[in-house]
Amino acid sequence: MLAANDYLFYILALITFFSGVGVIVAQNPIYSAFSLALTMVAIAGIFVTLNAAFIAGVQLIVYAGAVMVLFVMVLMLFDLKHEMKTFSKGLVSNIFKLGSAGVLLGMLLIYIWYSFSADPGFKPVPIDPAKTMDATKELSIALFTKYLFAFEAIGALLLIIAVGAVTLSRIQGGTHADS
């Protein structure tokens, strides 16, 4: 008998799957980015159902927040009408695409086979919440004491990169240059 937590896990897994497919099949890059954000939020929900609240929080803050802002900023910088011409429609490209789809389908079928087999080959390890809290506490203490300068330097570097990308797109010859 499945518990409510199990049903929530499967619902979030379906949302993750279909929004992941939406990332690939969406014609509009903004819709694709929205589907990716939904995928990241659903993955954070899966982490919550697995009692990994810290990883879920990091998933939301880093991936669904910062990385998605970066993706949308990059989408805004490029002139996507001209970018569509660069996609290859040759024989080699199509063979590569078909081969990649075959490999992914094979991996999915193997995963499904092992998921429903009588002996999955692994045994789940019980999680002790007290040990995970201690590990999170040690990580945060190290990050905000020993590695504080590196943490702040990465933040400043990312800000400089964002400002530089916007500046370069505005100069003559950039994608959004004033005509």
Protein backbone atom coordinates (compact mmCIF):
# COMPACT_ATOMS: atom_id res chain seq x y z
CA MET A 1 0.00 0.00 0.00
CA LEU A 2 1.40 3.37 -0.99
CA ALA A 3 1.52 6.22 1.49
CA ALA A 4 0.53 9.80 0.68
CA ASN A 5 4.22 10.70 0.42
CA ASP A 6 4.64 8.04 -2.29
CA TYR A 7 1.73 9.44 -4.30
CA LEU A 8 3.22 12.93 -4.03
CA PHE A 9 6.56 11.56 -5.23
CA TYR A 10 4.98 9.98 -8.33
CA ILE A 11 2.94 13.10 -9.11
CA LEU A 12 6.08 15.25 -8.89
CA ALA A 13 7.97 12.72 -11.01
CA LEU A 14 5.28 12.99 -13.71
CA ILE A 15 5.41 16.79 -13.56
CA THR A 16 9.20 16.60 -13.84
CA PHE A 17 9.00 14.26 -16.83
CA PHE A 18 6.41 16.22 -18.78
CA SER A 19 7.97 19.60 -18.07
CA GLY A 20 11.32 18.14 -19.12
CA VAL A 21 9.74 17.07 -22.39
CA GLY A 22 8.33 20.59 -22.65
CA VAL A 23 11.87 21.98 -22.46
CA ILE A 24 12.79 19.98 -25.54
CA VAL A 25 9.67 20.35 -27.69
CA ALA A 26 8.75 24.00 -27.00
CA GLN A 27 9.19 26.17 -30.08
CA ASN A 28 9.40 29.40 -28.08
CA PRO A 29 12.61 29.61 -25.99
CA ILE A 30 10.80 31.49 -23.22
CA TYR A 31 8.29 28.62 -22.90
CA SER A 32 11.22 26.24 -22.86
CA ALA A 33 12.84 28.23 -20.04
CA PHE A 34 9.51 28.22 -18.17
CA SER A 35 9.30 24.44 -18.55
CA LEU A 36 12.85 24.15 -17.23
CA ALA A 37 11.93 26.26 -14.19
CA LEU A 38 8.92 24.01 -13.55
CA THR A 39 11.21 20.99 -13.84
CA MET A 40 13.58 22.46 -11.25
CA VAL A 41 10.75 23.23 -8.82
CA ALA A 42 9.32 19.71 -9.20
CA ILE A 43 12.77 18.22 -8.56
CA ALA A 44 12.99 20.31 -5.39
CA GLY A 45 9.62 18.84 -4.38
CA ILE A 46 10.98 15.35 -4.99
CA PHE A 47 13.91 16.13 -2.70
CA VAL A 48 11.43 17.22 -0.01
CA THR A 49 9.56 13.90 -0.32
CA LEU A 50 12.92 12.15 0.16
CA ASN A 51 13.57 14.12 3.40
CA ALA A 52 16.40 16.12 1.83
CA ALA A 53 15.21 19.62 2.67
CA PHE A 54 18.64 21.24 2.40
CA ILE A 55 19.18 19.92 -1.13
CA ALA A 56 15.63 21.02 -2.03
CA GLY A 57 16.40 24.53 -0.81
CA VAL A 58 19.66 24.65 -2.73
CA GLN A 59 17.81 23.34 -5.80
CA LEU A 60 15.30 26.18 -5.56
CA ILE A 61 17.78 28.93 -4.78
CA VAL A 62 20.58 27.99 -7.16
CA TYR A 63 18.89 26.27 -10.08
CA ALA A 64 15.31 27.51 -10.14
CA GLY A 65 16.41 30.98 -9.13
CA ALA A 66 19.89 32.01 -10.21
CA VAL A 67 20.44 29.71 -13.19
CA MET A 68 17.01 30.43 -14.64
CA VAL A 69 17.64 34.18 -14.38
CA LEU A 70 20.89 33.59 -16.26
CA PHE A 71 19.14 31.51 -18.95
CA VAL A 72 16.45 34.12 -19.50
CA MET A 73 19.09 36.87 -19.63
CA VAL A 74 21.03 34.95 -22.29
CA LEU A 75 17.83 34.38 -24.27
CA MET A 76 17.17 38.10 -24.17
CA LEU A 77 20.69 38.87 -25.41
CA PHE A 78 20.57 36.71 -28.54
CA ASP A 79 18.71 37.54 -31.70
CA LEU A 80 16.86 34.25 -31.95
CA LYS A 81 15.46 34.86 -35.42
CA HIS A 82 18.96 34.60 -36.87
CA GLU A 83 19.98 31.76 -34.57
CA MET A 84 17.40 29.38 -36.07
CA LYS A 85 19.36 29.36 -39.34
CA THR A 86 22.36 27.75 -37.63
CA PHE A 87 20.63 24.45 -36.85
CA SER A 88 21.97 21.65 -39.00
CA LYS A 89 19.57 19.62 -41.10
CA GLY A 90 22.14 17.32 -42.67
CA LEU A 91 22.34 13.53 -42.71
CA VAL A 92 25.09 13.30 -40.06
CA SER A 93 23.15 15.55 -37.71
CA ASN A 94 19.98 13.51 -38.11
CA ILE A 95 21.88 10.23 -37.51
CA PHE A 96 23.39 11.73 -34.35
CA LYS A 97 19.98 12.87 -33.13
CA LEU A 98 18.44 9.47 -33.81
CA GLY A 99 21.32 7.67 -32.08
CA SER A 100 21.07 9.93 -29.04
CA ALA A 101 17.33 9.31 -28.81
CA GLY A 102 17.96 5.56 -29.05
CA VAL A 103 20.54 5.61 -26.26
CA LEU A 104 18.20 7.64 -24.01
CA LEU A 105 15.29 5.30 -24.76
CA GLY A 106 17.47 2.30 -23.96
CA MET A 107 18.55 3.82 -20.66
CA LEU A 108 14.92 4.56 -19.79
CA LEU A 109 13.83 1.01 -20.60
CA ILE A 110 16.66 -0.48 -18.52
CA TYR A 111 15.70 1.78 -15.61
CA ILE A 112 12.05 0.73 -15.86
CA TRP A 113 13.06 -2.94 -16.07
CA TYR A 114 15.18 -2.73 -12.91
CA SER A 115 12.54 -0.67 -11.10
CA PHE A 116 9.93 -3.40 -11.49
CA SER A 117 12.19 -6.43 -11.06
CA ALA A 118 11.83 -8.52 -7.90
CA ASP A 119 15.38 -7.76 -6.71
CA PRO A 120 16.36 -4.23 -7.69
CA GLY A 121 20.02 -4.87 -6.80
CA PHE A 122 20.23 -2.23 -4.10
CA LYS A 123 18.88 -1.83 -0.62
CA PRO A 124 17.80 1.61 0.63
CA VAL A 125 19.84 2.93 3.52
CA PRO A 126 17.85 4.37 6.43
CA ILE A 127 18.57 8.06 6.95
CA ASP A 128 19.31 9.45 10.39
CA PRO A 129 18.01 13.06 10.46
CA ALA A 130 20.37 14.01 13.30
CA LYS A 131 23.44 13.10 11.21
CA THR A 132 22.18 15.01 8.17
CA MET A 133 21.54 18.12 10.28
CA ASP A 134 25.08 17.90 11.68
CA ALA A 135 26.53 17.62 8.17
CA THR A 136 24.50 20.61 6.99
CA LYS A 137 25.61 22.61 10.01
CA GLU A 138 29.27 21.76 9.40
CA LEU A 139 28.96 22.69 5.72
CA SER A 140 27.36 26.05 6.47
CA ILE A 141 29.94 26.89 9.14
CA ALA A 142 32.79 26.07 6.74
CA LEU A 143 31.17 28.01 3.89
CA PHE A 144 30.54 31.18 5.90
CA THR A 145 33.80 31.19 7.89
CA LYS A 146 36.68 29.48 6.10
CA TYR A 147 35.47 30.05 2.51
CA LEU A 148 33.60 33.35 2.90
CA PHE A 149 35.92 35.30 0.60
CA ALA A 150 35.63 32.70 -2.18
CA PHE A 151 31.85 32.65 -1.76
CA GLU A 152 31.61 36.44 -2.07
CA ALA A 153 34.16 36.57 -4.91
CA ILE A 154 32.08 34.14 -6.98
CA GLY A 155 29.00 36.32 -6.43
CA ALA A 156 30.89 39.44 -7.53
CA LEU A 157 32.33 37.62 -10.54
CA LEU A 158 28.87 36.51 -11.67
CA LEU A 159 27.61 40.09 -11.35
CA ILE A 160 30.54 41.39 -13.41
CA ILE A 161 29.87 38.77 -16.09
CA ALA A 162 26.19 39.76 -16.31
CA VAL A 163 27.00 43.47 -16.60
CA GLY A 164 29.72 42.74 -19.17
CA ALA A 165 27.39 40.59 -21.29
CA VAL A 166 24.74 43.31 -21.36
CA THR A 167 27.37 45.95 -22.21
CA LEU A 168 28.84 43.86 -25.04
CA SER A 169 25.40 43.26 -26.52
CA ARG A 170 24.77 47.01 -26.68
CA ILE A 171 27.98 48.05 -28.49
CA GLN A 172 28.21 48.31 -32.27
CA GLY A 173 27.88 44.87 -33.84
CA GLY A 174 26.18 43.36 -30.78
CA THR A 175 22.83 41.60 -30.99
CA HIS A 176 20.89 44.53 -29.52
CA ALA A 177 22.99 47.41 -30.82
CA ASP A 178 21.21 50.69 -31.52
CA SER A 179 20.87 51.15 -35.25
